[in-house]
Amino acid sequence: MGKMLEQPMVTQDDSVVPLDALLGDGFAVIGLNCQPDEELHLNDRKALDRFDAKRIVITTESDREADGCDTEKVLLAFCQAER
């Protein structure tokens, strides 16, 4: 069963924005401290491609290579609670 995630604020290009603003419209797969495609099976990636799902990298520490940073660790806490 899915669980509601509170709207975290993330840092993107020296600005703090809601995660939804970073994700934009449509489907997105979030990799927390990882590249999402590296964690997904090929068939799952193909299925996501049919939906034009974006792959977003969110880190818990500042990283210019990432799409955003979970500075308040909201996503991290959510993911740890779901394990």
C-alpha atoms as a PDB file:
ATOM      1  CA  MET A   1       0.000   0.000   0.000  1.00  0.00           C
ATOM      2  CA  GLY A   2       1.345   3.421  -0.911  1.00  0.00           C
ATOM      3  CA  LYS A   3       2.044   6.051   1.659  1.00  0.00           C
ATOM      4  CA  MET A   4       1.690   9.831   1.397  1.00  0.00           C
ATOM      5  CA  LEU A   5       4.954  11.750   1.395  1.00  0.00           C
ATOM      6  CA  GLU A   6       5.036  15.222   2.875  1.00  0.00           C
ATOM      7  CA  GLN A   7       6.176  17.836   0.350  1.00  0.00           C
ATOM      8  CA  PRO A   8       9.924  18.179   0.924  1.00  0.00           C
ATOM      9  CA  MET A   9      11.875  21.241  -0.061  1.00  0.00           C
ATOM     10  CA  VAL A  10      14.986  20.549  -2.117  1.00  0.00           C
ATOM     11  CA  THR A  11      17.905  22.690  -3.144  1.00  0.00           C
ATOM     12  CA  GLN A  12      18.315  23.124  -6.892  1.00  0.00           C
ATOM     13  CA  ASP A  13      20.837  25.496  -8.464  1.00  0.00           C
ATOM     14  CA  ASP A  14      21.238  27.493  -5.217  1.00  0.00           C
ATOM     15  CA  SER A  15      17.439  27.874  -4.839  1.00  0.00           C
ATOM     16  CA  VAL A  16      15.125  26.057  -2.457  1.00  0.00           C
ATOM     17  CA  VAL A  17      12.052  24.676  -4.241  1.00  0.00           C
ATOM     18  CA  PRO A  18       9.302  22.140  -3.494  1.00  0.00           C
ATOM     19  CA  LEU A  19      10.131  18.666  -4.802  1.00  0.00           C
ATOM     20  CA  ASP A  20       7.069  18.839  -7.070  1.00  0.00           C
ATOM     21  CA  ALA A  21       8.536  21.884  -8.824  1.00  0.00           C
ATOM     22  CA  LEU A  22      11.709  19.922  -9.546  1.00  0.00           C
ATOM     23  CA  LEU A  23       9.770  16.876 -10.770  1.00  0.00           C
ATOM     24  CA  GLY A  24       7.448  18.787 -13.080  1.00  0.00           C
ATOM     25  CA  ASP A  25       4.536  17.169 -14.865  1.00  0.00           C
ATOM     26  CA  GLY A  26       4.241  13.491 -15.657  1.00  0.00           C
ATOM     27  CA  PHE A  27       5.925  10.513 -14.083  1.00  0.00           C
ATOM     28  CA  ALA A  28       9.309  10.591 -12.398  1.00  0.00           C
ATOM     29  CA  VAL A  29      11.534   8.055 -10.688  1.00  0.00           C
ATOM     30  CA  ILE A  30      13.617   9.438  -7.848  1.00  0.00           C
ATOM     31  CA  GLY A  31      16.982   7.975  -7.005  1.00  0.00           C
ATOM     32  CA  LEU A  32      18.055   8.974  -3.515  1.00  0.00           C
ATOM     33  CA  ASN A  33      21.857   9.101  -3.590  1.00  0.00           C
ATOM     34  CA  CYS A  34      21.877   6.919  -6.723  1.00  0.00           C
ATOM     35  CA  GLN A  35      21.098   6.875 -10.423  1.00  0.00           C
ATOM     36  CA  PRO A  36      17.611   5.309 -10.651  1.00  0.00           C
ATOM     37  CA  ASP A  37      18.333   3.299 -13.811  1.00  0.00           C
ATOM     38  CA  GLU A  38      21.257   1.574 -12.107  1.00  0.00           C
ATOM     39  CA  GLU A  39      18.845   0.154  -9.514  1.00  0.00           C
ATOM     40  CA  LEU A  40      16.080  -0.940 -11.911  1.00  0.00           C
ATOM     41  CA  HIS A  41      15.728  -4.100 -13.962  1.00  0.00           C
ATOM     42  CA  LEU A  42      15.823  -3.600 -17.739  1.00  0.00           C
ATOM     43  CA  ASN A  43      12.121  -4.496 -18.079  1.00  0.00           C
ATOM     44  CA  ASP A  44      11.216  -1.896 -15.453  1.00  0.00           C
ATOM     45  CA  ARG A  45      13.222   0.762 -17.295  1.00  0.00           C
ATOM     46  CA  LYS A  46      11.460  -0.115 -20.554  1.00  0.00           C
ATOM     47  CA  ALA A  47       8.065   0.155 -18.858  1.00  0.00           C
ATOM     48  CA  LEU A  48       8.964   3.560 -17.424  1.00  0.00           C
ATOM     49  CA  ASP A  49      10.166   4.703 -20.847  1.00  0.00           C
ATOM     50  CA  ARG A  50       6.677   4.049 -22.242  1.00  0.00           C
ATOM     51  CA  PHE A  51       5.422   6.682 -19.779  1.00  0.00           C
ATOM     52  CA  ASP A  52       8.292   9.070 -20.575  1.00  0.00           C
ATOM     53  CA  ALA A  53       9.217   8.926 -16.886  1.00  0.00           C
ATOM     54  CA  LYS A  54      11.989  11.312 -15.905  1.00  0.00           C
ATOM     55  CA  ARG A  55      14.889  10.005 -13.842  1.00  0.00           C
ATOM     56  CA  ILE A  56      15.773  12.386 -11.024  1.00  0.00           C
ATOM     57  CA  VAL A  57      18.767  12.127  -8.684  1.00  0.00           C
ATOM     58  CA  ILE A  58      18.326  13.654  -5.233  1.00  0.00           C
ATOM     59  CA  THR A  59      21.255  13.586  -2.845  1.00  0.00           C
ATOM     60  CA  THR A  60      21.427  14.148   0.888  1.00  0.00           C
ATOM     61  CA  GLU A  61      24.646  16.135   0.536  1.00  0.00           C
ATOM     62  CA  SER A  62      25.319  18.947  -1.908  1.00  0.00           C
ATOM     63  CA  ASP A  63      26.407  17.538  -5.269  1.00  0.00           C
ATOM     64  CA  ARG A  64      26.515  19.560  -8.500  1.00  0.00           C
ATOM     65  CA  GLU A  65      25.925  16.378 -10.528  1.00  0.00           C
ATOM     66  CA  ALA A  66      22.555  15.759  -8.842  1.00  0.00           C
ATOM     67  CA  ASP A  67      19.235  17.292  -9.847  1.00  0.00           C
ATOM     68  CA  GLY A  68      18.558  18.405  -6.279  1.00  0.00           C
ATOM     69  CA  CYS A  69      19.559  18.058  -2.638  1.00  0.00           C
ATOM     70  CA  ASP A  70      17.336  16.867   0.235  1.00  0.00           C
ATOM     71  CA  THR A  71      18.927  19.299   2.700  1.00  0.00           C
ATOM     72  CA  GLU A  72      16.273  18.716   5.381  1.00  0.00           C
ATOM     73  CA  LYS A  73      16.591  14.911   4.970  1.00  0.00           C
ATOM     74  CA  VAL A  74      12.802  14.483   4.541  1.00  0.00           C
ATOM     75  CA  LEU A  75      13.157  11.983   1.685  1.00  0.00           C
ATOM     76  CA  LEU A  76      15.885  10.142   3.553  1.00  0.00           C
ATOM     77  CA  ALA A  77      13.684   9.766   6.653  1.00  0.00           C
ATOM     78  CA  PHE A  78      10.741   8.607   4.505  1.00  0.00           C
ATOM     79  CA  CYS A  79      12.844   5.975   2.741  1.00  0.00           C
ATOM     80  CA  GLN A  80      14.398   4.712   5.967  1.00  0.00           C
ATOM     81  CA  ALA A  81      10.954   4.355   7.566  1.00  0.00           C
ATOM     82  CA  GLU A  82       9.728   2.300   4.594  1.00  0.00           C
ATOM     83  CA  ARG A  83      12.474  -0.344   4.874  1.00  0.00           C
END
